[in-house]
Every structure is written in C-alpha cells, then in structure tokens.
C-alpha cells in the first residue's frame, strides 16, 4: 500500500499505521477508538472505498438508473 500523507510531526502515514490491525482484505489498517467514544479509524485505498460504496448502494443506483464507469 502506498501512502503519501504525512502526520503532524512528519512521520509517513504508512509507518504510523503499521502497528494497527490489518483490514479484512489486508490492504488497509484500522484502530478502534478507546475511552468514552465508540468507533474506529480506518485507512484504506480510495478504490476500495469506491467499490464498497457502490456495492452497498447498488440497488439505489440501479433505481436511479446510474451506472458505474
């Protein structure tokens, strides 16, 4: 996975998330939030995000006569 974003102190994002758990497809990373919050942070590739959103909303897109590509 190629990440180009740099954190506040200049550490490449790939190094900052390397200790986080791997995502289901092994291409991204995630970290559950702790404390009084309920959630997580996930770093994934843009194309994986688009493909997942399309799959989750395919029926809506079909009804609106939208197509991928």
N, C-alpha and C. Protein backbone atom coordinates (compact mmCIF):
# COMPACT_ATOMS: atom_id res chain seq x y z
N UNK A 1 0.85 -1.17 0.00
CA UNK A 1 0.00 0.00 0.00
C UNK A 1 0.90 1.23 0.00
N UNK A 2 0.61 2.15 -0.87
CA UNK A 2 1.41 3.35 -0.99
C UNK A 2 0.65 4.53 -0.42
N UNK A 3 1.20 5.13 0.64
CA UNK A 3 0.55 6.26 1.29
C UNK A 3 1.51 7.45 1.26
N UNK A 4 0.99 8.61 0.92
CA UNK A 4 1.85 9.78 0.79
C UNK A 4 1.57 10.85 1.83
N UNK A 5 0.52 10.72 2.61
CA UNK A 5 0.17 11.73 3.61
C UNK A 5 1.19 11.69 4.74
N UNK A 6 1.53 12.83 5.27
CA UNK A 6 2.46 12.91 6.40
C UNK A 6 1.75 13.49 7.60
N UNK A 7 2.03 12.91 8.77
CA UNK A 7 1.41 13.36 10.01
C UNK A 7 1.96 14.69 10.48
N UNK A 8 1.47 15.11 11.62
CA UNK A 8 1.83 16.41 12.18
C UNK A 8 3.33 16.52 12.41
N UNK A 9 3.95 15.45 12.87
CA UNK A 9 5.38 15.52 13.17
C UNK A 9 6.24 14.97 12.03
N UNK A 10 5.65 14.77 10.86
CA UNK A 10 6.42 14.40 9.68
C UNK A 10 6.64 12.91 9.49
N UNK A 11 6.05 12.07 10.31
CA UNK A 11 6.20 10.63 10.14
C UNK A 11 5.27 10.17 9.03
N UNK A 12 5.78 9.42 8.04
CA UNK A 12 4.90 8.93 6.97
C UNK A 12 3.74 8.11 7.56
N UNK A 13 2.56 8.28 6.95
CA UNK A 13 1.37 7.60 7.45
C UNK A 13 1.55 6.09 7.49
N UNK A 14 2.23 5.52 6.50
CA UNK A 14 2.44 4.07 6.47
C UNK A 14 3.15 3.58 7.74
N UNK A 15 4.08 4.36 8.25
CA UNK A 15 4.77 3.99 9.49
C UNK A 15 3.87 4.18 10.70
N UNK A 16 3.04 5.22 10.68
CA UNK A 16 2.17 5.50 11.82
C UNK A 16 1.10 4.43 11.99
N UNK A 17 0.62 3.82 10.90
CA UNK A 17 -0.44 2.82 10.99
C UNK A 17 0.10 1.40 10.95
N UNK A 18 1.39 1.21 10.84
CA UNK A 18 1.96 -0.13 10.70
C UNK A 18 1.68 -1.02 11.91
N UNK A 19 1.44 -0.43 13.06
CA UNK A 19 1.14 -1.22 14.26
C UNK A 19 -0.36 -1.47 14.43
N UNK A 20 -1.19 -0.84 13.59
CA UNK A 20 -2.64 -1.02 13.67
C UNK A 20 -3.01 -2.38 13.08
N UNK A 21 -4.18 -2.87 13.42
CA UNK A 21 -4.67 -4.14 12.88
C UNK A 21 -4.92 -3.98 11.38
N UNK A 22 -4.73 -5.08 10.63
CA UNK A 22 -5.00 -5.07 9.19
C UNK A 22 -6.50 -5.13 8.93
N UNK A 23 -6.94 -4.51 7.85
CA UNK A 23 -8.34 -4.59 7.45
C UNK A 23 -8.63 -5.99 6.90
N UNK A 24 -9.91 -6.26 6.66
CA UNK A 24 -10.32 -7.60 6.23
C UNK A 24 -9.61 -8.06 4.97
N UNK A 25 -9.39 -7.14 4.01
CA UNK A 25 -8.74 -7.55 2.76
C UNK A 25 -7.21 -7.47 2.83
N UNK A 26 -6.68 -7.05 3.98
CA UNK A 26 -5.24 -6.99 4.17
C UNK A 26 -4.57 -5.80 3.53
N UNK A 27 -5.33 -4.92 2.88
CA UNK A 27 -4.77 -3.78 2.18
C UNK A 27 -4.78 -2.49 3.00
N UNK A 28 -5.57 -2.46 4.06
CA UNK A 28 -5.67 -1.25 4.88
C UNK A 28 -5.38 -1.56 6.34
N UNK A 29 -5.58 -0.59 7.19
CA UNK A 29 -5.36 -0.73 8.63
C UNK A 29 -6.49 -0.05 9.38
N UNK A 30 -6.76 -0.52 10.60
CA UNK A 30 -7.76 0.14 11.43
C UNK A 30 -7.35 0.11 12.89
N UNK A 31 -7.91 1.07 13.64
CA UNK A 31 -7.63 1.17 15.07
C UNK A 31 -8.92 1.53 15.78
N UNK A 32 -9.38 0.67 16.70
CA UNK A 32 -10.57 1.02 17.48
C UNK A 32 -10.24 2.21 18.40
N UNK A 33 -11.20 3.12 18.54
CA UNK A 33 -11.02 4.24 19.45
C UNK A 33 -11.28 3.77 20.88
N UNK A 34 -10.62 4.38 21.82
CA UNK A 34 -10.76 3.98 23.21
C UNK A 34 -11.28 5.13 24.04
N UNK A 35 -11.73 4.83 25.22
CA UNK A 35 -12.24 5.86 26.10
C UNK A 35 -13.75 5.95 26.00
N UNK A 36 -14.26 7.16 26.04
CA UNK A 36 -15.70 7.40 26.05
C UNK A 36 -16.33 7.42 24.66
N UNK A 37 -15.54 7.15 23.63
CA UNK A 37 -16.07 7.16 22.27
C UNK A 37 -16.24 5.74 21.76
N UNK A 38 -17.19 5.57 20.85
CA UNK A 38 -17.43 4.27 20.24
C UNK A 38 -17.21 4.40 18.75
N UNK A 39 -16.13 3.84 18.25
CA UNK A 39 -15.85 3.94 16.82
C UNK A 39 -14.46 3.45 16.51
N UNK A 40 -14.03 3.70 15.31
CA UNK A 40 -12.69 3.30 14.89
C UNK A 40 -12.22 4.21 13.76
N UNK A 41 -10.94 4.17 13.50
CA UNK A 41 -10.34 4.88 12.38
C UNK A 41 -9.83 3.81 11.43
N UNK A 42 -10.15 3.97 10.14
CA UNK A 42 -9.71 3.00 9.14
C UNK A 42 -9.03 3.73 7.99
N UNK A 43 -7.88 3.23 7.58
CA UNK A 43 -7.14 3.78 6.45
C UNK A 43 -7.18 2.74 5.35
N UNK A 44 -7.83 3.09 4.22
CA UNK A 44 -7.97 2.15 3.11
C UNK A 44 -7.66 2.87 1.80
N UNK A 45 -7.50 2.09 0.74
CA UNK A 45 -7.25 2.67 -0.57
C UNK A 45 -8.54 3.26 -1.12
N UNK A 46 -8.40 4.36 -1.88
CA UNK A 46 -9.55 5.07 -2.43
C UNK A 46 -10.44 4.14 -3.26
N UNK A 47 -9.83 3.32 -4.13
CA UNK A 47 -10.63 2.45 -4.99
C UNK A 47 -11.42 1.44 -4.18
N UNK A 48 -10.87 0.96 -3.06
CA UNK A 48 -11.61 0.04 -2.18
C UNK A 48 -12.83 0.75 -1.59
N UNK A 49 -12.67 2.01 -1.22
CA UNK A 49 -13.78 2.79 -0.68
C UNK A 49 -14.89 2.95 -1.72
N UNK A 50 -14.51 3.31 -2.94
CA UNK A 50 -15.49 3.49 -4.01
C UNK A 50 -16.21 2.18 -4.32
N UNK A 51 -15.45 1.09 -4.45
CA UNK A 51 -16.06 -0.21 -4.75
C UNK A 51 -17.02 -0.65 -3.66
N UNK A 52 -16.65 -0.44 -2.40
CA UNK A 52 -17.50 -0.83 -1.28
C UNK A 52 -18.78 0.01 -1.27
N UNK A 53 -18.65 1.31 -1.49
CA UNK A 53 -19.82 2.18 -1.51
C UNK A 53 -20.76 1.78 -2.65
N UNK A 54 -20.19 1.46 -3.80
CA UNK A 54 -21.02 1.06 -4.93
C UNK A 54 -21.77 -0.23 -4.60
N UNK A 55 -21.07 -1.21 -4.03
CA UNK A 55 -21.70 -2.50 -3.70
C UNK A 55 -22.81 -2.32 -2.67
N UNK A 56 -22.60 -1.47 -1.68
CA UNK A 56 -23.60 -1.27 -0.64
C UNK A 56 -24.84 -0.53 -1.15
N UNK A 57 -24.67 0.26 -2.19
CA UNK A 57 -25.77 1.11 -2.67
C UNK A 57 -26.22 0.74 -4.09
N UNK A 58 -25.86 -0.43 -4.55
CA UNK A 58 -26.14 -0.82 -5.93
C UNK A 58 -27.63 -0.75 -6.28
N UNK A 59 -28.49 -1.20 -5.38
CA UNK A 59 -29.94 -1.16 -5.65
C UNK A 59 -30.44 0.27 -5.83
N UNK A 60 -29.92 1.19 -5.01
CA UNK A 60 -30.32 2.59 -5.14
C UNK A 60 -29.83 3.17 -6.45
N UNK A 61 -28.59 2.88 -6.81
CA UNK A 61 -28.05 3.38 -8.07
C UNK A 61 -28.82 2.82 -9.26
N UNK A 62 -29.19 1.54 -9.17
CA UNK A 62 -29.96 0.92 -10.24
C UNK A 62 -31.32 1.61 -10.40
N UNK A 63 -31.97 1.85 -9.26
CA UNK A 63 -33.28 2.51 -9.30
C UNK A 63 -33.17 3.92 -9.89
N UNK A 64 -32.05 4.59 -9.65
CA UNK A 64 -31.84 5.95 -10.17
C UNK A 64 -31.28 5.92 -11.60
N UNK A 65 -31.09 4.71 -12.12
CA UNK A 65 -30.55 4.50 -13.48
C UNK A 65 -29.14 5.04 -13.63
N UNK A 66 -28.36 4.92 -12.57
CA UNK A 66 -26.94 5.29 -12.62
C UNK A 66 -26.13 4.04 -12.90
N UNK A 67 -25.02 4.20 -13.59
CA UNK A 67 -24.16 3.05 -13.80
C UNK A 67 -22.71 3.41 -13.53
N UNK A 68 -21.95 2.41 -13.20
CA UNK A 68 -20.54 2.60 -12.86
C UNK A 68 -19.73 2.79 -14.14
N UNK A 69 -18.80 3.73 -14.08
CA UNK A 69 -17.90 3.92 -15.19
C UNK A 69 -18.28 4.98 -16.06
